Each structure stands twice: as structure tokens, then as C-alpha cells.
All heavy atoms as atom14 arrays in JSON, in Angstrom:
{
  "sequence": "RSLVDHDRVPEDVLIQVLTQSRQDLISKSFDSLDG",
  "atom14_mask": [
    [1, 1, 1, 1, 1, 1, 1, 1, 1, 1, 1, 0, 0, 0],
    [1, 1, 1, 1, 1, 1, 0, 0, 0, 0, 0, 0, 0, 0],
    [1, 1, 1, 1, 1, 1, 1, 1, 0, 0, 0, 0, 0, 0],
    [1, 1, 1, 1, 1, 1, 1, 0, 0, 0, 0, 0, 0, 0],
    [1, 1, 1, 1, 1, 1, 1, 1, 0, 0, 0, 0, 0, 0],
    [1, 1, 1, 1, 1, 1, 1, 1, 1, 1, 0, 0, 0, 0],
    [1, 1, 1, 1, 1, 1, 1, 1, 0, 0, 0, 0, 0, 0],
    [1, 1, 1, 1, 1, 1, 1, 1, 1, 1, 1, 0, 0, 0],
    [1, 1, 1, 1, 1, 1, 1, 0, 0, 0, 0, 0, 0, 0],
    [1, 1, 1, 1, 1, 1, 1, 0, 0, 0, 0, 0, 0, 0],
    [1, 1, 1, 1, 1, 1, 1, 1, 1, 0, 0, 0, 0, 0],
    [1, 1, 1, 1, 1, 1, 1, 1, 0, 0, 0, 0, 0, 0],
    [1, 1, 1, 1, 1, 1, 1, 0, 0, 0, 0, 0, 0, 0],
    [1, 1, 1, 1, 1, 1, 1, 1, 0, 0, 0, 0, 0, 0],
    [1, 1, 1, 1, 1, 1, 1, 1, 0, 0, 0, 0, 0, 0],
    [1, 1, 1, 1, 1, 1, 1, 1, 1, 0, 0, 0, 0, 0],
    [1, 1, 1, 1, 1, 1, 1, 0, 0, 0, 0, 0, 0, 0],
    [1, 1, 1, 1, 1, 1, 1, 1, 0, 0, 0, 0, 0, 0],
    [1, 1, 1, 1, 1, 1, 1, 0, 0, 0, 0, 0, 0, 0],
    [1, 1, 1, 1, 1, 1, 1, 1, 1, 0, 0, 0, 0, 0],
    [1, 1, 1, 1, 1, 1, 0, 0, 0, 0, 0, 0, 0, 0],
    [1, 1, 1, 1, 1, 1, 1, 1, 1, 1, 1, 0, 0, 0],
    [1, 1, 1, 1, 1, 1, 1, 1, 1, 0, 0, 0, 0, 0],
    [1, 1, 1, 1, 1, 1, 1, 1, 0, 0, 0, 0, 0, 0],
    [1, 1, 1, 1, 1, 1, 1, 1, 0, 0, 0, 0, 0, 0],
    [1, 1, 1, 1, 1, 1, 1, 1, 0, 0, 0, 0, 0, 0],
    [1, 1, 1, 1, 1, 1, 0, 0, 0, 0, 0, 0, 0, 0],
    [1, 1, 1, 1, 1, 1, 1, 1, 1, 0, 0, 0, 0, 0],
    [1, 1, 1, 1, 1, 1, 0, 0, 0, 0, 0, 0, 0, 0],
    [1, 1, 1, 1, 1, 1, 1, 1, 1, 1, 1, 0, 0, 0],
    [1, 1, 1, 1, 1, 1, 1, 1, 0, 0, 0, 0, 0, 0],
    [1, 1, 1, 1, 1, 1, 0, 0, 0, 0, 0, 0, 0, 0],
    [1, 1, 1, 1, 1, 1, 1, 1, 0, 0, 0, 0, 0, 0],
    [1, 1, 1, 1, 1, 1, 1, 1, 0, 0, 0, 0, 0, 0],
    [1, 1, 1, 1, 0, 0, 0, 0, 0, 0, 0, 0, 0, 0]
  ],
  "atom14_positions": [
    [[0.84, -1.21, 0.0], [0.0, 0.0, 0.0], [0.87, 1.25, 0.0], [0.54, 2.24, -0.66], [-0.9, 0.02, 1.24], [-2.12, -0.84, 1.2], [-3.11, -0.56, 0.09], [-3.22, 0.82, -0.33], [-3.68, 1.19, -1.52], [-4.02, 0.28, -2.43], [-3.79, 2.46, -1.83], [0.0, 0.0, 0.0], [0.0, 0.0, 0.0], [0.0, 0.0, 0.0]],
    [[2.0, 1.22, 0.71], [2.85, 2.4, 0.76], [3.45, 2.72, -0.61], [3.62, 3.89, -0.96], [3.98, 2.2, 1.79], [4.95, 1.28, 1.33], [0.0, 0.0, 0.0], [0.0, 0.0, 0.0], [0.0, 0.0, 0.0], [0.0, 0.0, 0.0], [0.0, 0.0, 0.0], [0.0, 0.0, 0.0], [0.0, 0.0, 0.0], [0.0, 0.0, 0.0]],
    [[3.75, 1.69, -1.38], [4.25, 1.92, -2.74], [3.2, 2.65, -3.58], [3.52, 3.56, -4.36], [4.63, 0.6, -3.41], [5.82, -0.17, -2.84], [5.99, -1.5, -3.58], [7.1, 0.65, -2.94], [0.0, 0.0, 0.0], [0.0, 0.0, 0.0], [0.0, 0.0, 0.0], [0.0, 0.0, 0.0], [0.0, 0.0, 0.0], [0.0, 0.0, 0.0]],
    [[1.96, 2.23, -3.41], [0.87, 2.84, -4.19], [0.54, 4.24, -3.66], [0.48, 5.21, -4.43], [-0.38, 1.94, -4.13], [-1.52, 2.58, -4.92], [-0.07, 0.55, -4.69], [0.0, 0.0, 0.0], [0.0, 0.0, 0.0], [0.0, 0.0, 0.0], [0.0, 0.0, 0.0], [0.0, 0.0, 0.0], [0.0, 0.0, 0.0], [0.0, 0.0, 0.0]],
    [[0.33, 4.36, -2.36], [-0.11, 5.62, -1.77], [0.93, 6.73, -1.9], [0.56, 7.91, -1.99], [-0.44, 5.42, -0.29], [-1.66, 4.52, -0.09], [-2.46, 4.41, -1.04], [-1.78, 3.92, 1.0], [0.0, 0.0, 0.0], [0.0, 0.0, 0.0], [0.0, 0.0, 0.0], [0.0, 0.0, 0.0], [0.0, 0.0, 0.0], [0.0, 0.0, 0.0]],
    [[2.2, 6.37, -1.92], [3.26, 7.38, -2.03], [3.81, 7.49, -3.45], [4.86, 8.1, -3.66], [4.39, 7.07, -1.05], [3.98, 7.18, 0.39], [3.52, 6.09, 1.11], [3.92, 8.24, 1.24], [3.22, 6.48, 2.35], [3.46, 7.78, 2.45], [0.0, 0.0, 0.0], [0.0, 0.0, 0.0], [0.0, 0.0, 0.0], [0.0, 0.0, 0.0]],
    [[3.09, 6.9, -4.39], [3.43, 7.02, -5.82], [4.91, 6.65, -6.06], [5.63, 7.35, -6.75], [3.16, 8.45, -6.3], [3.06, 8.53, -7.82], [2.76, 7.5, -8.44], [3.3, 9.62, -8.37], [0.0, 0.0, 0.0], [0.0, 0.0, 0.0], [0.0, 0.0, 0.0], [0.0, 0.0, 0.0], [0.0, 0.0, 0.0], [0.0, 0.0, 0.0]],
    [[5.31, 5.51, -5.48], [6.71, 5.1, -5.56], [7.01, 4.22, -6.77], [8.15, 3.86, -7.01], [7.08, 4.32, -4.29], [6.96, 5.13, -3.02], [8.31, 5.49, -2.45], [9.05, 4.33, -2.01], [10.22, 3.93, -2.49], [10.8, 4.6, -3.48], [10.84, 2.87, -2.01], [0.0, 0.0, 0.0], [0.0, 0.0, 0.0], [0.0, 0.0, 0.0]],
    [[5.98, 3.86, -7.53], [6.19, 2.95, -8.64], [6.26, 3.74, -9.94], [5.29, 4.39, -10.33], [5.04, 1.92, -8.73], [5.33, 0.92, -9.86], [4.87, 1.19, -7.4], [0.0, 0.0, 0.0], [0.0, 0.0, 0.0], [0.0, 0.0, 0.0], [0.0, 0.0, 0.0], [0.0, 0.0, 0.0], [0.0, 0.0, 0.0], [0.0, 0.0, 0.0]],
    [[7.4, 3.73, -10.63], [7.51, 4.46, -11.9], [6.49, 3.97, -12.92], [6.04, 2.81, -12.86], [8.95, 4.16, -12.35], [9.68, 3.79, -11.1], [8.67, 3.09, -10.24], [0.0, 0.0, 0.0], [0.0, 0.0, 0.0], [0.0, 0.0, 0.0], [0.0, 0.0, 0.0], [0.0, 0.0, 0.0], [0.0, 0.0, 0.0], [0.0, 0.0, 0.0]],
    [[6.13, 4.84, -13.85], [5.11, 4.5, -14.84], [5.51, 3.31, -15.71], [4.65, 2.59, -16.2], [4.84, 5.73, -15.74], [4.06, 6.83, -15.06], [2.62, 6.44, -14.75], [2.03, 5.72, -15.58], [2.1, 6.84, -13.69], [0.0, 0.0, 0.0], [0.0, 0.0, 0.0], [0.0, 0.0, 0.0], [0.0, 0.0, 0.0], [0.0, 0.0, 0.0]],
    [[6.82, 3.12, -15.9], [7.26, 2.04, -16.78], [7.57, 0.76, -16.02], [8.15, -0.18, -16.57], [8.48, 2.46, -17.6], [9.68, 2.79, -16.73], [9.51, 3.0, -15.52], [10.81, 2.83, -17.28], [0.0, 0.0, 0.0], [0.0, 0.0, 0.0], [0.0, 0.0, 0.0], [0.0, 0.0, 0.0], [0.0, 0.0, 0.0], [0.0, 0.0, 0.0]],
    [[7.2, 0.69, -14.74], [7.46, -0.48, -13.92], [6.13, -1.12, -13.51], [5.21, -0.43, -13.07], [8.28, -0.12, -12.67], [8.37, -1.31, -11.71], [9.68, 0.34, -13.07], [0.0, 0.0, 0.0], [0.0, 0.0, 0.0], [0.0, 0.0, 0.0], [0.0, 0.0, 0.0], [0.0, 0.0, 0.0], [0.0, 0.0, 0.0], [0.0, 0.0, 0.0]],
    [[6.04, -2.43, -13.65], [4.88, -3.19, -13.21], [5.23, -3.91, -11.91], [6.2, -4.68, -11.86], [4.49, -4.24, -14.25], [3.68, -3.77, -15.46], [3.62, -4.9, -16.49], [2.27, -3.36, -15.04], [0.0, 0.0, 0.0], [0.0, 0.0, 0.0], [0.0, 0.0, 0.0], [0.0, 0.0, 0.0], [0.0, 0.0, 0.0], [0.0, 0.0, 0.0]],
    [[4.46, -3.65, -10.85], [4.64, -4.44, -9.66], [3.65, -5.6, -9.68], [2.59, -5.52, -10.31], [4.51, -3.62, -8.36], [3.14, -2.96, -8.24], [5.62, -2.6, -8.27], [2.92, -2.28, -6.88], [0.0, 0.0, 0.0], [0.0, 0.0, 0.0], [0.0, 0.0, 0.0], [0.0, 0.0, 0.0], [0.0, 0.0, 0.0], [0.0, 0.0, 0.0]],
    [[4.04, -6.67, -9.02], [3.25, -7.9, -9.06], [3.08, -8.42, -7.65], [3.98, -8.31, -6.81], [4.01, -8.93, -9.91], [3.42, -10.32, -9.92], [4.15, -11.23, -10.9], [4.27, -10.91, -12.09], [4.66, -12.35, -10.42], [0.0, 0.0, 0.0], [0.0, 0.0, 0.0], [0.0, 0.0, 0.0], [0.0, 0.0, 0.0], [0.0, 0.0, 0.0]],
    [[1.9, -8.99, -7.36], [1.66, -9.62, -6.07], [1.2, -11.06, -6.29], [0.61, -11.37, -7.32], [0.63, -8.86, -5.22], [1.12, -7.46, -4.91], [-0.74, -8.83, -5.9], [0.0, 0.0, 0.0], [0.0, 0.0, 0.0], [0.0, 0.0, 0.0], [0.0, 0.0, 0.0], [0.0, 0.0, 0.0], [0.0, 0.0, 0.0], [0.0, 0.0, 0.0]],
    [[1.49, -11.9, -5.32], [1.17, -13.32, -5.42], [-0.01, -13.65, -4.52], [-0.13, -13.13, -3.41], [2.38, -14.15, -4.99], [2.22, -15.67, -5.03], [2.16, -16.16, -6.47], [3.39, -16.35, -4.3], [0.0, 0.0, 0.0], [0.0, 0.0, 0.0], [0.0, 0.0, 0.0], [0.0, 0.0, 0.0], [0.0, 0.0, 0.0], [0.0, 0.0, 0.0]],
    [[-0.87, -14.55, -5.0], [-2.0, -14.99, -4.19], [-2.35, -16.44, -4.5], [-2.26, -16.88, -5.64], [-3.24, -14.11, -4.41], [-4.32, -14.61, -3.61], [-3.65, -14.06, -5.88], [0.0, 0.0, 0.0], [0.0, 0.0, 0.0], [0.0, 0.0, 0.0], [0.0, 0.0, 0.0], [0.0, 0.0, 0.0], [0.0, 0.0, 0.0], [0.0, 0.0, 0.0]],
    [[-2.74, -17.16, -3.48], [-3.31, -18.48, -3.69], [-4.7, -18.33, -4.32], [-5.3, -17.26, -4.28], [-3.41, -19.23, -2.36], [-2.07, -19.58, -1.75], [-2.22, -20.08, -0.32], [-2.8, -19.41, 0.52], [-1.71, -21.28, -0.07], [0.0, 0.0, 0.0], [0.0, 0.0, 0.0], [0.0, 0.0, 0.0], [0.0, 0.0, 0.0], [0.0, 0.0, 0.0]],
    [[-5.19, -19.41, -4.85], [-6.48, -19.38, -5.54], [-7.64, -19.54, -4.55], [-8.32, -20.56, -4.52], [-6.54, -20.47, -6.61], [-7.7, -20.32, -7.41], [0.0, 0.0, 0.0], [0.0, 0.0, 0.0], [0.0, 0.0, 0.0], [0.0, 0.0, 0.0], [0.0, 0.0, 0.0], [0.0, 0.0, 0.0], [0.0, 0.0, 0.0], [0.0, 0.0, 0.0]],
    [[-7.81, -18.49, -3.74], [-8.93, -18.42, -2.8], [-9.54, -17.03, -2.89], [-8.81, -16.03, -2.97], [-8.46, -18.67, -1.36], [-8.26, -20.12, -1.01], [-7.68, -20.29, 0.39], [-8.2, -19.33, 1.35], [-7.69, -19.19, 2.58], [-6.68, -19.94, 2.97], [-8.2, -18.3, 3.41], [0.0, 0.0, 0.0], [0.0, 0.0, 0.0], [0.0, 0.0, 0.0]],
    [[-10.86, -16.95, -2.87], [-11.54, -15.68, -3.11], [-11.11, -14.59, -2.14], [-10.85, -13.46, -2.54], [-13.06, -15.86, -3.06], [-13.81, -14.55, -3.34], [-15.27, -14.78, -3.66], [-15.72, -15.92, -3.74], [-16.02, -13.71, -3.86], [0.0, 0.0, 0.0], [0.0, 0.0, 0.0], [0.0, 0.0, 0.0], [0.0, 0.0, 0.0], [0.0, 0.0, 0.0]],
    [[-11.06, -14.91, -0.84], [-10.72, -13.87, 0.14], [-9.3, -13.37, -0.05], [-9.02, -12.17, 0.08], [-10.93, -14.4, 1.56], [-10.1, -15.65, 1.84], [-9.87, -16.45, 0.91], [-9.7, -15.84, 3.01], [0.0, 0.0, 0.0], [0.0, 0.0, 0.0], [0.0, 0.0, 0.0], [0.0, 0.0, 0.0], [0.0, 0.0, 0.0], [0.0, 0.0, 0.0]],
    [[-8.37, -14.27, -0.38], [-6.98, -13.87, -0.57], [-6.8, -13.05, -1.85], [-6.02, -12.1, -1.9], [-6.07, -15.1, -0.59], [-6.16, -16.03, 0.63], [-5.15, -17.16, 0.52], [-5.95, -15.24, 1.92], [0.0, 0.0, 0.0], [0.0, 0.0, 0.0], [0.0, 0.0, 0.0], [0.0, 0.0, 0.0], [0.0, 0.0, 0.0], [0.0, 0.0, 0.0]],
    [[-7.55, -13.44, -2.89], [-7.48, -12.7, -4.14], [-8.02, -11.28, -3.94], [-7.42, -10.29, -4.39], [-8.25, -13.43, -5.25], [-7.6, -14.79, -5.55], [-8.29, -12.58, -6.52], [-8.42, -15.67, -6.48], [0.0, 0.0, 0.0], [0.0, 0.0, 0.0], [0.0, 0.0, 0.0], [0.0, 0.0, 0.0], [0.0, 0.0, 0.0], [0.0, 0.0, 0.0]],
    [[-9.15, -11.17, -3.26], [-9.74, -9.85, -3.01], [-8.79, -8.96, -2.23], [-8.65, -7.76, -2.52], [-11.07, -10.02, -2.26], [-12.0, -10.74, -3.03], [0.0, 0.0, 0.0], [0.0, 0.0, 0.0], [0.0, 0.0, 0.0], [0.0, 0.0, 0.0], [0.0, 0.0, 0.0], [0.0, 0.0, 0.0], [0.0, 0.0, 0.0], [0.0, 0.0, 0.0]],
    [[-8.14, -9.53, -1.23], [-7.2, -8.74, -0.43], [-6.02, -8.29, -1.28], [-5.49, -7.19, -1.11], [-6.71, -9.55, 0.77], [-5.9, -8.72, 1.76], [-5.77, -9.42, 3.09], [-5.13, -8.5, 4.12], [-5.06, -9.1, 5.47], [0.0, 0.0, 0.0], [0.0, 0.0, 0.0], [0.0, 0.0, 0.0], [0.0, 0.0, 0.0], [0.0, 0.0, 0.0]],
    [[-5.61, -9.12, -2.22], [-4.51, -8.76, -3.11], [-4.89, -7.56, -3.97], [-4.08, -6.64, -4.18], [-4.13, -9.96, -3.98], [-3.68, -11.03, -3.19], [0.0, 0.0, 0.0], [0.0, 0.0, 0.0], [0.0, 0.0, 0.0], [0.0, 0.0, 0.0], [0.0, 0.0, 0.0], [0.0, 0.0, 0.0], [0.0, 0.0, 0.0], [0.0, 0.0, 0.0]],
    [[-6.11, -7.55, -4.48], [-6.58, -6.4, -5.25], [-6.64, -5.16, -4.37], [-6.28, -4.05, -4.8], [-7.95, -6.69, -5.88], [-7.89, -7.39, -7.2], [-7.93, -8.77, -7.27], [-7.78, -6.66, -8.37], [-7.87, -9.42, -8.5], [-7.73, -7.29, -9.61], [-7.76, -8.69, -9.67], [0.0, 0.0, 0.0], [0.0, 0.0, 0.0], [0.0, 0.0, 0.0]],
    [[-7.08, -5.32, -3.14], [-7.17, -4.17, -2.22], [-5.79, -3.56, -1.98], [-5.66, -2.33, -1.86], [-7.75, -4.61, -0.87], [-9.24, -4.95, -0.96], [-9.88, -4.52, -1.94], [-9.73, -5.65, -0.05], [0.0, 0.0, 0.0], [0.0, 0.0, 0.0], [0.0, 0.0, 0.0], [0.0, 0.0, 0.0], [0.0, 0.0, 0.0], [0.0, 0.0, 0.0]],
    [[-4.77, -4.41, -1.92], [-3.42, -3.89, -1.66], [-2.93, -3.01, -2.8], [-2.06, -2.16, -2.6], [-2.44, -5.05, -1.45], [-2.16, -5.73, -2.66], [0.0, 0.0, 0.0], [0.0, 0.0, 0.0], [0.0, 0.0, 0.0], [0.0, 0.0, 0.0], [0.0, 0.0, 0.0], [0.0, 0.0, 0.0], [0.0, 0.0, 0.0], [0.0, 0.0, 0.0]],
    [[-3.49, -3.2, -3.98], [-3.04, -2.46, -5.17], [-4.05, -1.43, -5.65], [-3.86, -0.81, -6.7], [-2.77, -3.45, -6.31], [-1.59, -4.42, -6.1], [-1.62, -5.53, -7.15], [-0.26, -3.69, -6.15], [0.0, 0.0, 0.0], [0.0, 0.0, 0.0], [0.0, 0.0, 0.0], [0.0, 0.0, 0.0], [0.0, 0.0, 0.0], [0.0, 0.0, 0.0]],
    [[-5.1, -1.22, -4.91], [-6.17, -0.32, -5.34], [-5.63, 1.08, -5.62], [-4.99, 1.69, -4.76], [-7.25, -0.25, -4.26], [-8.51, 0.41, -4.77], [-8.91, 0.14, -5.91], [-9.09, 1.23, -4.01], [0.0, 0.0, 0.0], [0.0, 0.0, 0.0], [0.0, 0.0, 0.0], [0.0, 0.0, 0.0], [0.0, 0.0, 0.0], [0.0, 0.0, 0.0]],
    [[-5.84, 1.57, -6.83], [-5.38, 2.9, -7.21], [-4.09, 2.91, -8.01], [-3.69, 3.97, -8.5], [0.0, 0.0, 0.0], [0.0, 0.0, 0.0], [0.0, 0.0, 0.0], [0.0, 0.0, 0.0], [0.0, 0.0, 0.0], [0.0, 0.0, 0.0], [0.0, 0.0, 0.0], [0.0, 0.0, 0.0], [0.0, 0.0, 0.0], [0.0, 0.0, 0.0]]
  ]
}
């Protein structure tokens, strides 16, 4: 969240997060990257 909220990710860089195939874990992964 700090990477997103503080605009620390350059426009030409893709950050990636890992999640197991479970609905609650996937949703939380999206929340971490919201915005």
C-alpha cells in the first residue's frame, strides 16, 4: 500500500503480487493495489 499511496512505482514499472487461488486472498490482493 505504501508503494501505491506514495506514488513510488515508476510509470514504466509493473509491480506484481502473489495470491493463492482463494476468493478472500485474491480480493485482499486487489485491495493492496487499489489505485
